[in-house]
C-alpha cells in the first residue's frame, strides 16, 4: 500500500516534517559534509543500515572541494572539512555543500554541523543559503551545539532547512523519502 511504518512519535513527527519540506529523492546515493571524521563514519554506517549508499564523488566535485581545503587534505565522501574550518568555517561549509550538490551522482546531502553562534563557527546561515539554492535535492542537517545555537536551528525549518537532533533520525528521514518515492514510481508503472 506504500505505507511507512514508524516506531514512535518522534519518527512520525520527523517524517511529517520531511514530507512537507523535502523534495523527492531520485536515487539513494548520499553526500556527507562533516567537521568530524568520526561523525562521518557513523553517518556512513547508518546509511548502510537504512539501505542507502555513499556516493562516489566525481573528480570535478573533488576539485571544487579542494579549492576550500588545504592542499595536503585527502578528500573523500564523507567530506571531512575539520582542518579547513579553522580558516573560515562558514565559507568552507558553503563551498563543500555546493560542490557536493552539483555532483550528478549525489541524490541527497547530509550535513553534520556545529550549532554554535559565535562568529567563527556560525555555519547555519550558510547551510540555509545552500538549501535554498538546491531545492531539487534533499539536504538535511544534524546539528550539535550550545543552547543558543540549537534555538537558532528551530527557525531554519520554516525555510525548508530541516535540522535533526540525531544523525540516525536525519538518515531515517532520507531513507523513508527515497523508499517511499521509489515504491510510488514502481506502483505507477504497474
N, C-alpha and C. Protein backbone atom coordinates (compact mmCIF):
# COMPACT_ATOMS: atom_id res chain seq x y z
N UNK A 1 0.82 -1.21 0.00
CA UNK A 1 0.00 0.00 0.00
C UNK A 1 0.85 1.26 0.00
N UNK A 2 2.15 1.13 0.17
CA UNK A 2 3.01 2.30 0.20
C UNK A 2 3.07 3.00 1.54
N UNK A 3 2.60 2.33 2.59
CA UNK A 3 2.64 2.93 3.92
C UNK A 3 4.06 2.91 4.48
N UNK A 4 4.34 3.86 5.33
CA UNK A 4 5.62 3.88 6.03
C UNK A 4 5.34 3.63 7.50
N UNK A 5 5.92 2.57 8.03
CA UNK A 5 5.74 2.27 9.46
C UNK A 5 6.70 3.11 10.29
N UNK A 6 6.20 3.60 11.40
CA UNK A 6 7.05 4.37 12.31
C UNK A 6 7.11 3.65 13.65
N UNK A 7 8.20 3.88 14.38
CA UNK A 7 8.41 3.21 15.65
C UNK A 7 7.95 4.02 16.85
N UNK A 8 7.90 5.34 16.70
CA UNK A 8 7.50 6.19 17.82
C UNK A 8 7.03 7.54 17.34
N UNK A 9 6.59 8.38 18.26
CA UNK A 9 6.04 9.69 17.91
C UNK A 9 7.10 10.61 17.31
N UNK A 10 8.36 10.47 17.76
CA UNK A 10 9.43 11.29 17.20
C UNK A 10 9.60 11.00 15.71
N UNK A 11 9.59 9.73 15.37
CA UNK A 11 9.75 9.36 13.96
C UNK A 11 8.56 9.85 13.14
N UNK A 12 7.37 9.77 13.69
CA UNK A 12 6.18 10.27 13.00
C UNK A 12 6.32 11.77 12.72
N UNK A 13 6.75 12.53 13.72
CA UNK A 13 6.92 13.98 13.55
C UNK A 13 8.03 14.28 12.55
N UNK A 14 9.13 13.54 12.62
CA UNK A 14 10.24 13.74 11.68
C UNK A 14 9.79 13.52 10.24
N UNK A 15 9.05 12.43 10.01
CA UNK A 15 8.63 12.11 8.65
C UNK A 15 7.59 13.10 8.14
N UNK A 16 6.70 13.54 9.01
CA UNK A 16 5.71 14.54 8.59
C UNK A 16 6.42 15.82 8.16
N UNK A 17 7.41 16.24 8.95
CA UNK A 17 8.18 17.44 8.63
C UNK A 17 8.93 17.25 7.31
N UNK A 18 9.50 16.08 7.12
CA UNK A 18 10.28 15.81 5.92
C UNK A 18 9.41 15.80 4.67
N UNK A 19 8.26 15.16 4.73
CA UNK A 19 7.42 15.09 3.54
C UNK A 19 6.77 16.44 3.22
N UNK A 20 6.70 17.32 4.20
CA UNK A 20 6.22 18.68 3.94
C UNK A 20 7.28 19.55 3.26
N UNK A 21 8.55 19.31 3.58
CA UNK A 21 9.60 20.24 3.19
C UNK A 21 10.63 19.71 2.20
N UNK A 22 10.81 18.42 2.09
CA UNK A 22 11.88 17.89 1.24
C UNK A 22 11.36 17.47 -0.13
N UNK A 23 12.16 17.69 -1.17
CA UNK A 23 11.79 17.17 -2.48
C UNK A 23 12.03 15.66 -2.53
N UNK A 24 11.41 14.97 -3.47
CA UNK A 24 11.65 13.53 -3.60
C UNK A 24 13.11 13.24 -3.98
N UNK A 25 13.63 12.15 -3.43
CA UNK A 25 14.97 11.71 -3.80
C UNK A 25 14.87 10.87 -5.07
N UNK A 26 15.78 11.13 -5.99
CA UNK A 26 15.77 10.40 -7.27
C UNK A 26 16.57 9.10 -7.19
N UNK A 27 17.46 9.01 -6.24
CA UNK A 27 18.29 7.82 -6.05
C UNK A 27 18.70 7.73 -4.59
N UNK A 28 19.51 6.75 -4.26
CA UNK A 28 19.85 6.56 -2.85
C UNK A 28 21.31 6.88 -2.51
N UNK A 29 21.98 7.65 -3.39
CA UNK A 29 23.39 8.00 -3.16
C UNK A 29 23.52 9.31 -2.39
N UNK A 30 24.23 9.25 -1.27
CA UNK A 30 24.35 10.40 -0.38
C UNK A 30 25.73 11.01 -0.39
N UNK A 31 25.74 12.31 -0.26
CA UNK A 31 26.96 13.04 0.04
C UNK A 31 26.88 13.47 1.49
N UNK A 32 27.98 13.39 2.20
CA UNK A 32 28.02 13.78 3.61
C UNK A 32 29.10 14.84 3.78
N UNK A 33 28.73 15.96 4.38
CA UNK A 33 29.67 17.03 4.70
C UNK A 33 29.72 17.13 6.21
N UNK A 34 30.91 17.00 6.78
CA UNK A 34 31.05 16.95 8.23
C UNK A 34 32.32 17.65 8.69
N UNK A 35 32.35 18.03 9.95
CA UNK A 35 33.59 18.57 10.50
C UNK A 35 34.20 17.60 11.50
N UNK A 36 33.77 16.35 11.43
CA UNK A 36 34.33 15.31 12.29
C UNK A 36 34.38 14.00 11.52
N UNK A 37 35.58 13.44 11.39
CA UNK A 37 35.72 12.17 10.70
C UNK A 37 34.92 11.06 11.37
N UNK A 38 34.88 11.08 12.69
CA UNK A 38 34.11 10.08 13.43
C UNK A 38 32.62 10.17 13.12
N UNK A 39 32.10 11.39 13.06
CA UNK A 39 30.69 11.56 12.73
C UNK A 39 30.41 11.10 11.31
N UNK A 40 31.35 11.37 10.40
CA UNK A 40 31.19 10.91 9.03
C UNK A 40 31.14 9.40 8.94
N UNK A 41 32.00 8.72 9.71
CA UNK A 41 31.99 7.25 9.72
C UNK A 41 30.67 6.73 10.30
N UNK A 42 30.20 7.35 11.37
CA UNK A 42 28.92 6.96 11.97
C UNK A 42 27.79 7.13 10.95
N UNK A 43 27.77 8.26 10.26
CA UNK A 43 26.73 8.52 9.26
C UNK A 43 26.80 7.50 8.12
N UNK A 44 28.00 7.15 7.68
CA UNK A 44 28.17 6.14 6.62
C UNK A 44 27.60 4.80 7.05
N UNK A 45 27.90 4.40 8.27
CA UNK A 45 27.38 3.13 8.79
C UNK A 45 25.85 3.14 8.85
N UNK A 46 25.29 4.26 9.29
CA UNK A 46 23.83 4.35 9.39
C UNK A 46 23.18 4.38 8.02
N UNK A 47 23.82 5.00 7.04
CA UNK A 47 23.28 4.97 5.67
C UNK A 47 23.16 3.53 5.21
N UNK A 48 24.20 2.76 5.43
CA UNK A 48 24.17 1.35 5.04
C UNK A 48 23.06 0.60 5.78
N UNK A 49 22.93 0.86 7.08
CA UNK A 49 21.90 0.21 7.89
C UNK A 49 20.49 0.51 7.35
N UNK A 50 20.29 1.71 6.84
CA UNK A 50 18.98 2.11 6.35
C UNK A 50 18.83 1.94 4.83
N UNK A 51 19.73 1.18 4.20
CA UNK A 51 19.59 0.84 2.80
C UNK A 51 19.99 1.92 1.81
N UNK A 52 20.83 2.85 2.25
CA UNK A 52 21.29 3.93 1.39
C UNK A 52 22.74 3.73 1.03
N UNK A 53 23.23 4.47 0.05
CA UNK A 53 24.61 4.34 -0.41
C UNK A 53 25.35 5.65 -0.23
N UNK A 54 26.66 5.54 -0.09
CA UNK A 54 27.53 6.71 -0.06
C UNK A 54 28.00 6.94 -1.49
N UNK A 55 27.74 8.13 -2.00
CA UNK A 55 28.08 8.44 -3.39
C UNK A 55 29.59 8.50 -3.59
N UNK A 56 30.03 8.08 -4.76
CA UNK A 56 31.41 8.31 -5.17
C UNK A 56 31.44 9.66 -5.85
N UNK A 57 32.20 10.59 -5.29
CA UNK A 57 32.24 11.95 -5.83
C UNK A 57 33.06 12.01 -7.11
N UNK A 58 32.59 12.80 -8.06
CA UNK A 58 33.30 12.95 -9.33
C UNK A 58 34.60 13.72 -9.11
N UNK A 59 35.50 13.60 -10.06
CA UNK A 59 36.76 14.34 -9.99
C UNK A 59 36.51 15.85 -10.00
N UNK A 60 35.53 16.28 -10.74
CA UNK A 60 35.18 17.72 -10.77
C UNK A 60 34.74 18.19 -9.38
N UNK A 61 33.93 17.40 -8.71
CA UNK A 61 33.49 17.74 -7.36
C UNK A 61 34.68 17.82 -6.41
N UNK A 62 35.56 16.85 -6.50
CA UNK A 62 36.74 16.84 -5.64
C UNK A 62 37.60 18.07 -5.88
N UNK A 63 37.72 18.50 -7.14
CA UNK A 63 38.49 19.70 -7.46
C UNK A 63 37.88 20.94 -6.83
N UNK A 64 36.54 21.04 -6.86
CA UNK A 64 35.86 22.19 -6.25
C UNK A 64 36.08 22.21 -4.73
N UNK A 65 36.02 21.05 -4.12
CA UNK A 65 36.21 20.98 -2.66
C UNK A 65 37.65 21.34 -2.30
N UNK A 66 38.59 20.93 -3.14
CA UNK A 66 40.00 21.24 -2.88
C UNK A 66 40.26 22.75 -2.87
N UNK A 67 39.41 23.53 -3.53
CA UNK A 67 39.57 24.98 -3.54
C UNK A 67 39.35 25.60 -2.16
N UNK A 68 38.57 24.92 -1.30
CA UNK A 68 38.29 25.46 0.03
C UNK A 68 38.96 24.64 1.14
N UNK A 69 39.91 23.78 0.75
CA UNK A 69 40.61 22.95 1.73
C UNK A 69 42.11 23.05 1.50
N UNK A 70 42.91 22.72 2.52
CA UNK A 70 44.36 22.73 2.32
C UNK A 70 44.79 21.69 1.28
N UNK A 71 45.86 21.96 0.59
CA UNK A 71 46.32 21.08 -0.50
C UNK A 71 46.70 19.69 -0.01
N UNK A 72 47.12 19.55 1.24
CA UNK A 72 47.54 18.26 1.77
C UNK A 72 46.36 17.37 2.16
N UNK A 73 45.15 17.94 2.20
CA UNK A 73 43.98 17.21 2.68
C UNK A 73 43.45 16.27 1.63
N UNK A 74 43.33 14.98 1.96
CA UNK A 74 42.73 13.99 1.05
C UNK A 74 41.21 14.10 1.17
N UNK A 75 40.54 14.30 0.06
CA UNK A 75 39.09 14.50 0.05
C UNK A 75 38.40 13.23 -0.43
N UNK A 76 37.44 12.76 0.35
CA UNK A 76 36.61 11.62 0.01
C UNK A 76 35.19 11.93 0.46
N UNK A 77 34.30 11.01 0.30
CA UNK A 77 32.94 11.12 0.83
C UNK A 77 32.81 10.05 1.92
N UNK A 78 32.55 10.45 3.14
CA UNK A 78 32.18 11.75 3.69
C UNK A 78 33.29 12.79 3.54
N UNK A 79 32.86 14.04 3.29
CA UNK A 79 33.78 15.16 3.14
C UNK A 79 34.04 15.73 4.53
N UNK A 80 35.20 15.40 5.08
CA UNK A 80 35.59 15.87 6.42
C UNK A 80 36.34 17.18 6.25
N UNK A 81 35.73 18.27 6.67
CA UNK A 81 36.32 19.59 6.45
C UNK A 81 36.90 20.19 7.72
N UNK A 82 37.16 19.37 8.75
CA UNK A 82 37.61 19.95 10.01
C UNK A 82 38.85 20.83 9.89
N UNK A 83 39.98 20.38 9.38
CA UNK A 83 41.13 21.30 9.35
C UNK A 83 40.85 22.61 8.64
N UNK A 84 40.19 22.61 7.46
CA UNK A 84 39.96 23.90 6.82
C UNK A 84 38.98 24.80 7.55
N UNK A 85 38.12 24.23 8.39
CA UNK A 85 37.18 25.09 9.09
C UNK A 85 37.89 26.06 10.01
N UNK A 86 39.12 25.76 10.34
CA UNK A 86 39.88 26.70 11.16
C UNK A 86 40.19 27.97 10.37
N UNK A 87 40.08 27.89 9.04
CA UNK A 87 40.36 29.05 8.20
C UNK A 87 39.12 29.95 8.09
N UNK A 88 38.01 29.41 7.64
CA UNK A 88 36.75 30.14 7.52
C UNK A 88 35.63 29.11 7.50
N UNK A 89 35.06 28.85 8.65
CA UNK A 89 34.09 27.77 8.80
C UNK A 89 32.90 27.90 7.87
N UNK A 90 32.25 29.04 7.87
CA UNK A 90 31.05 29.22 7.07
C UNK A 90 31.33 29.08 5.57
N UNK A 91 32.39 29.71 5.10
CA UNK A 91 32.73 29.64 3.68
C UNK A 91 33.12 28.22 3.27
N UNK A 92 33.84 27.53 4.14
CA UNK A 92 34.22 26.15 3.84
C UNK A 92 32.99 25.26 3.73
N UNK A 93 32.05 25.41 4.67
CA UNK A 93 30.81 24.63 4.62
C UNK A 93 30.05 24.91 3.32
N UNK A 94 29.85 26.19 3.02
CA UNK A 94 29.10 26.54 1.81
C UNK A 94 29.77 25.99 0.56
N UNK A 95 31.08 26.12 0.47
CA UNK A 95 31.80 25.61 -0.69
C UNK A 95 31.70 24.11 -0.82
N UNK A 96 31.83 23.40 0.28
CA UNK A 96 31.74 21.93 0.24
C UNK A 96 30.32 21.47 -0.10
N UNK A 97 29.32 22.07 0.52
CA UNK A 97 27.93 21.69 0.23
C UNK A 97 27.61 21.96 -1.23
N UNK A 98 28.00 23.11 -1.73
CA UNK A 98 27.72 23.48 -3.12
C UNK A 98 28.39 22.49 -4.08
N UNK A 99 29.63 22.14 -3.82
CA UNK A 99 30.34 21.20 -4.70
C UNK A 99 29.65 19.84 -4.70
N UNK A 100 29.27 19.34 -3.53
CA UNK A 100 28.61 18.04 -3.44
C UNK A 100 27.23 18.10 -4.10
N UNK A 101 26.50 19.19 -3.91
CA UNK A 101 25.17 19.32 -4.50
C UNK A 101 25.23 19.36 -6.03
N UNK A 102 26.29 19.91 -6.59
CA UNK A 102 26.43 19.99 -8.04
C UNK A 102 26.76 18.64 -8.68
N UNK A 103 27.18 17.69 -7.88
CA UNK A 103 27.57 16.37 -8.40
C UNK A 103 26.32 15.59 -8.81
N UNK A 104 26.24 15.19 -10.08
CA UNK A 104 25.08 14.44 -10.57
C UNK A 104 24.95 13.06 -9.93
N UNK A 105 26.02 12.55 -9.35
CA UNK A 105 25.98 11.25 -8.70
C UNK A 105 25.50 11.30 -7.26
N UNK A 106 25.16 12.49 -6.78
CA UNK A 106 24.68 12.66 -5.40
C UNK A 106 23.19 12.99 -5.45
N UNK A 107 22.39 12.20 -4.72
CA UNK A 107 20.94 12.38 -4.72
C UNK A 107 20.42 13.13 -3.50
N UNK A 108 21.19 13.15 -2.42
CA UNK A 108 20.80 13.85 -1.20
C UNK A 108 22.06 14.17 -0.42
N UNK A 109 21.95 15.16 0.47
CA UNK A 109 23.12 15.57 1.24
C UNK A 109 22.77 15.61 2.72
N UNK A 110 23.65 15.03 3.51
CA UNK A 110 23.56 15.09 4.96
C UNK A 110 24.69 15.98 5.44
N UNK A 111 24.34 17.04 6.17
CA UNK A 111 25.33 17.97 6.70
C UNK A 111 25.40 17.78 8.21
N UNK A 112 26.58 17.50 8.71
CA UNK A 112 26.81 17.38 10.15
C UNK A 112 27.52 18.66 10.57
N UNK A 113 26.85 19.46 11.40
CA UNK A 113 27.33 20.82 11.63
C UNK A 113 27.31 21.22 13.10
N UNK A 114 28.18 22.16 13.46
CA UNK A 114 28.10 22.74 14.81
C UNK A 114 26.96 23.75 14.86
N UNK A 115 26.22 23.74 15.95
CA UNK A 115 25.17 24.74 16.17
C UNK A 115 25.67 25.68 17.25
N UNK A 116 26.60 26.51 16.87
CA UNK A 116 27.23 27.46 17.78
C UNK A 116 27.17 28.81 17.09
N UNK A 117 26.71 29.85 17.80
CA UNK A 117 26.51 31.13 17.11
C UNK A 117 27.67 32.10 17.27
N UNK A 118 28.80 31.65 17.79
CA UNK A 118 29.97 32.51 17.78
C UNK A 118 30.38 32.71 16.32
N UNK A 119 30.85 33.88 15.96
CA UNK A 119 31.12 34.18 14.54
C UNK A 119 31.98 33.14 13.82
N UNK A 120 32.98 32.60 14.47
CA UNK A 120 33.88 31.65 13.80
C UNK A 120 33.18 30.35 13.42
N UNK A 121 32.20 29.92 14.23
CA UNK A 121 31.55 28.63 13.97
C UNK A 121 30.09 28.73 13.58
N UNK A 122 29.59 29.91 13.28
CA UNK A 122 28.19 30.06 12.90
C UNK A 122 28.02 29.70 11.42
N UNK A 123 27.69 28.44 11.18
CA UNK A 123 27.57 27.94 9.81
C UNK A 123 26.12 27.77 9.38
N UNK A 124 25.18 27.96 10.30
CA UNK A 124 23.78 27.67 10.00
C UNK A 124 23.22 28.55 8.88
N UNK A 125 23.60 29.83 8.86
CA UNK A 125 23.13 30.72 7.79
C UNK A 125 23.63 30.27 6.43
N UNK A 126 24.88 29.83 6.37
CA UNK A 126 25.45 29.34 5.12
C UNK A 126 24.76 28.06 4.65
N UNK A 127 24.44 27.18 5.59
CA UNK A 127 23.73 25.95 5.24
C UNK A 127 22.35 26.31 4.68
N UNK A 128 21.67 27.25 5.33
CA UNK A 128 20.35 27.68 4.85
C UNK A 128 20.44 28.22 3.43
N UNK A 129 21.46 29.01 3.13
CA UNK A 129 21.63 29.55 1.77
C UNK A 129 21.75 28.43 0.75
N UNK A 130 22.50 27.40 1.09
CA UNK A 130 22.69 26.29 0.14
C UNK A 130 21.41 25.46 0.00
N UNK A 131 20.65 25.29 1.09
CA UNK A 131 19.37 24.57 0.99
C UNK A 131 18.44 25.31 0.03
N UNK A 132 18.38 26.62 0.13
CA UNK A 132 17.54 27.42 -0.77
C UNK A 132 18.00 27.29 -2.22
N UNK A 133 19.30 27.22 -2.43
CA UNK A 133 19.87 27.13 -3.78
C UNK A 133 19.56 25.78 -4.42
N UNK A 134 19.56 24.71 -3.64
CA UNK A 134 19.44 23.35 -4.19
C UNK A 134 18.10 22.73 -3.83
N UNK A 135 17.02 23.32 -4.27
CA UNK A 135 15.69 22.87 -3.87
C UNK A 135 15.29 21.53 -4.48
N UNK A 136 16.03 21.05 -5.50
CA UNK A 136 15.66 19.78 -6.11
C UNK A 136 16.33 18.57 -5.44
N UNK A 137 17.29 18.82 -4.55
CA UNK A 137 17.96 17.74 -3.83
C UNK A 137 17.70 17.90 -2.33
N UNK A 138 17.27 16.81 -1.67
CA UNK A 138 17.08 16.91 -0.22
C UNK A 138 18.42 17.16 0.49
N UNK A 139 18.40 18.13 1.38
CA UNK A 139 19.55 18.42 2.24
C UNK A 139 19.03 18.47 3.66
N UNK A 140 19.57 17.63 4.52
CA UNK A 140 19.19 17.65 5.93
C UNK A 140 20.44 17.83 6.78
N UNK A 141 20.23 18.33 7.98
CA UNK A 141 21.33 18.65 8.87
C UNK A 141 21.15 17.99 10.22
N UNK A 142 22.23 17.49 10.75
CA UNK A 142 22.30 17.09 12.15
C UNK A 142 23.21 18.11 12.81
N UNK A 143 22.66 18.85 13.76
CA UNK A 143 23.43 19.90 14.41
C UNK A 143 23.60 19.60 15.89
N UNK A 144 24.79 19.91 16.39
CA UNK A 144 25.10 19.74 17.80
C UNK A 144 25.73 21.03 18.28
N UNK A 145 25.25 21.54 19.41
CA UNK A 145 25.85 22.77 19.90
C UNK A 145 25.30 23.25 21.22
N UNK A 146 25.53 24.53 21.47
CA UNK A 146 25.08 25.11 22.73
C UNK A 146 23.60 25.51 22.62
N UNK A 147 23.04 25.97 23.73
CA UNK A 147 21.61 26.28 23.79
C UNK A 147 21.20 27.33 22.74
N UNK A 148 21.96 28.41 22.63
CA UNK A 148 21.63 29.46 21.66
C UNK A 148 21.69 28.93 20.23
N UNK A 149 22.69 28.13 19.94
CA UNK A 149 22.82 27.56 18.60
C UNK A 149 21.68 26.62 18.27
N UNK A 150 21.29 25.79 19.22
CA UNK A 150 20.19 24.86 18.97
C UNK A 150 18.88 25.61 18.81
N UNK A 151 18.70 26.71 19.53
CA UNK A 151 17.50 27.52 19.35
C UNK A 151 17.46 28.12 17.95
N UNK A 152 18.60 28.51 17.44
CA UNK A 152 18.67 29.08 16.09
C UNK A 152 18.26 28.04 15.04
N UNK A 153 18.55 26.78 15.28
CA UNK A 153 18.19 25.74 14.31
C UNK A 153 16.67 25.64 14.13
N UNK A 154 15.92 25.97 15.17
CA UNK A 154 14.46 25.87 15.07
C UNK A 154 13.89 26.80 14.01
N UNK A 155 14.50 27.97 13.83
CA UNK A 155 13.99 28.93 12.85
C UNK A 155 14.30 28.51 11.41
N UNK A 156 15.22 27.57 11.22
CA UNK A 156 15.59 27.17 9.87
C UNK A 156 14.51 26.34 9.18
N UNK A 157 13.70 25.61 9.96
CA UNK A 157 12.68 24.74 9.37
C UNK A 157 11.67 25.51 8.54
N UNK A 158 11.34 26.73 8.97
CA UNK A 158 10.37 27.50 8.20
C UNK A 158 10.90 27.85 6.81
N UNK A 159 12.19 27.70 6.62
CA UNK A 159 12.80 27.93 5.30
C UNK A 159 13.15 26.61 4.61
N UNK A 160 12.50 25.53 5.03
CA UNK A 160 12.70 24.19 4.45
C UNK A 160 14.09 23.62 4.72
N UNK A 161 14.75 24.11 5.72
CA UNK A 161 16.06 23.59 6.12
C UNK A 161 15.83 22.74 7.36
N UNK A 162 15.84 21.43 7.19
CA UNK A 162 15.50 20.52 8.29
C UNK A 162 16.73 20.17 9.10
N UNK A 163 16.62 20.36 10.41
CA UNK A 163 17.70 20.05 11.34
C UNK A 163 17.18 19.02 12.34
N UNK A 164 17.95 17.96 12.53
CA UNK A 164 17.54 16.88 13.42
C UNK A 164 18.49 16.77 14.60
N UNK A 165 17.96 16.30 15.74
CA UNK A 165 18.79 16.21 16.95
C UNK A 165 19.70 14.98 17.00
N UNK A 166 19.58 14.09 16.02
CA UNK A 166 20.50 12.94 15.96
C UNK A 166 20.73 12.57 14.50
N UNK A 167 21.90 12.03 14.23
CA UNK A 167 22.23 11.63 12.87
C UNK A 167 21.33 10.47 12.43
N UNK A 168 20.96 9.62 13.34
CA UNK A 168 20.10 8.48 13.00
C UNK A 168 18.72 8.96 12.52
N UNK A 169 18.18 9.95 13.20
CA UNK A 169 16.88 10.48 12.79
C UNK A 169 16.97 11.16 11.42
N UNK A 170 18.05 11.86 11.16
CA UNK A 170 18.23 12.52 9.87
C UNK A 170 18.30 11.49 8.74
N UNK A 171 19.07 10.43 8.94
CA UNK A 171 19.23 9.40 7.91
C UNK A 171 17.95 8.59 7.75
N UNK A 172 17.24 8.34 8.83
CA UNK A 172 15.97 7.61 8.75
C UNK A 172 14.99 8.38 7.85
N UNK A 173 14.97 9.70 7.97
CA UNK A 173 14.10 10.54 7.15
C UNK A 173 14.48 10.43 5.67
N UNK A 174 15.77 10.51 5.38
CA UNK A 174 16.22 10.40 3.99
C UNK A 174 15.89 9.02 3.42
N UNK A 175 16.06 8.00 4.22
CA UNK A 175 15.75 6.64 3.78
C UNK A 175 14.26 6.51 3.46
N UNK A 176 13.41 7.01 4.35
CA UNK A 176 11.96 6.94 4.11
C UNK A 176 11.59 7.72 2.85
N UNK A 177 12.21 8.87 2.65
CA UNK A 177 11.95 9.67 1.46
C UNK A 177 12.27 8.86 0.20
N UNK A 178 13.46 8.28 0.16
CA UNK A 178 13.86 7.53 -1.01
C UNK A 178 12.94 6.34 -1.26
N UNK A 179 12.72 5.51 -0.24
CA UNK A 179 11.95 4.29 -0.45
C UNK A 179 10.48 4.58 -0.74
N UNK A 180 9.91 5.63 -0.15
CA UNK A 180 8.53 5.99 -0.45
C UNK A 180 8.37 6.38 -1.91
N UNK A 181 9.21 7.31 -2.38
CA UNK A 181 9.07 7.77 -3.76
C UNK A 181 9.48 6.69 -4.75
N UNK A 182 10.43 5.84 -4.41
CA UNK A 182 10.83 4.74 -5.27
C UNK A 182 9.67 3.74 -5.43
N UNK A 183 8.99 3.41 -4.34
CA UNK A 183 7.84 2.50 -4.42
C UNK A 183 6.69 3.14 -5.17
N UNK A 184 6.50 4.43 -4.97
CA UNK A 184 5.41 5.14 -5.65
C UNK A 184 5.61 5.09 -7.16
N UNK A 185 6.83 5.31 -7.62
CA UNK A 185 7.13 5.22 -9.05
C UNK A 185 6.89 3.80 -9.54
N UNK A 186 7.31 2.81 -8.75
CA UNK A 186 7.13 1.41 -9.11
C UNK A 186 5.64 1.07 -9.26
N UNK A 187 4.80 1.53 -8.29
CA UNK A 187 3.36 1.24 -8.35
C UNK A 187 2.70 1.93 -9.53
N UNK A 188 3.19 3.10 -9.93
CA UNK A 188 2.61 3.81 -11.06
C UNK A 188 2.91 3.09 -12.38
N UNK A 189 4.01 2.32 -12.42
CA UNK A 189 4.39 1.62 -13.63
C UNK A 189 3.62 0.31 -13.80
N UNK A 190 2.99 -0.15 -12.73
CA UNK A 190 2.25 -1.44 -12.79
C UNK A 190 0.91 -1.25 -13.45
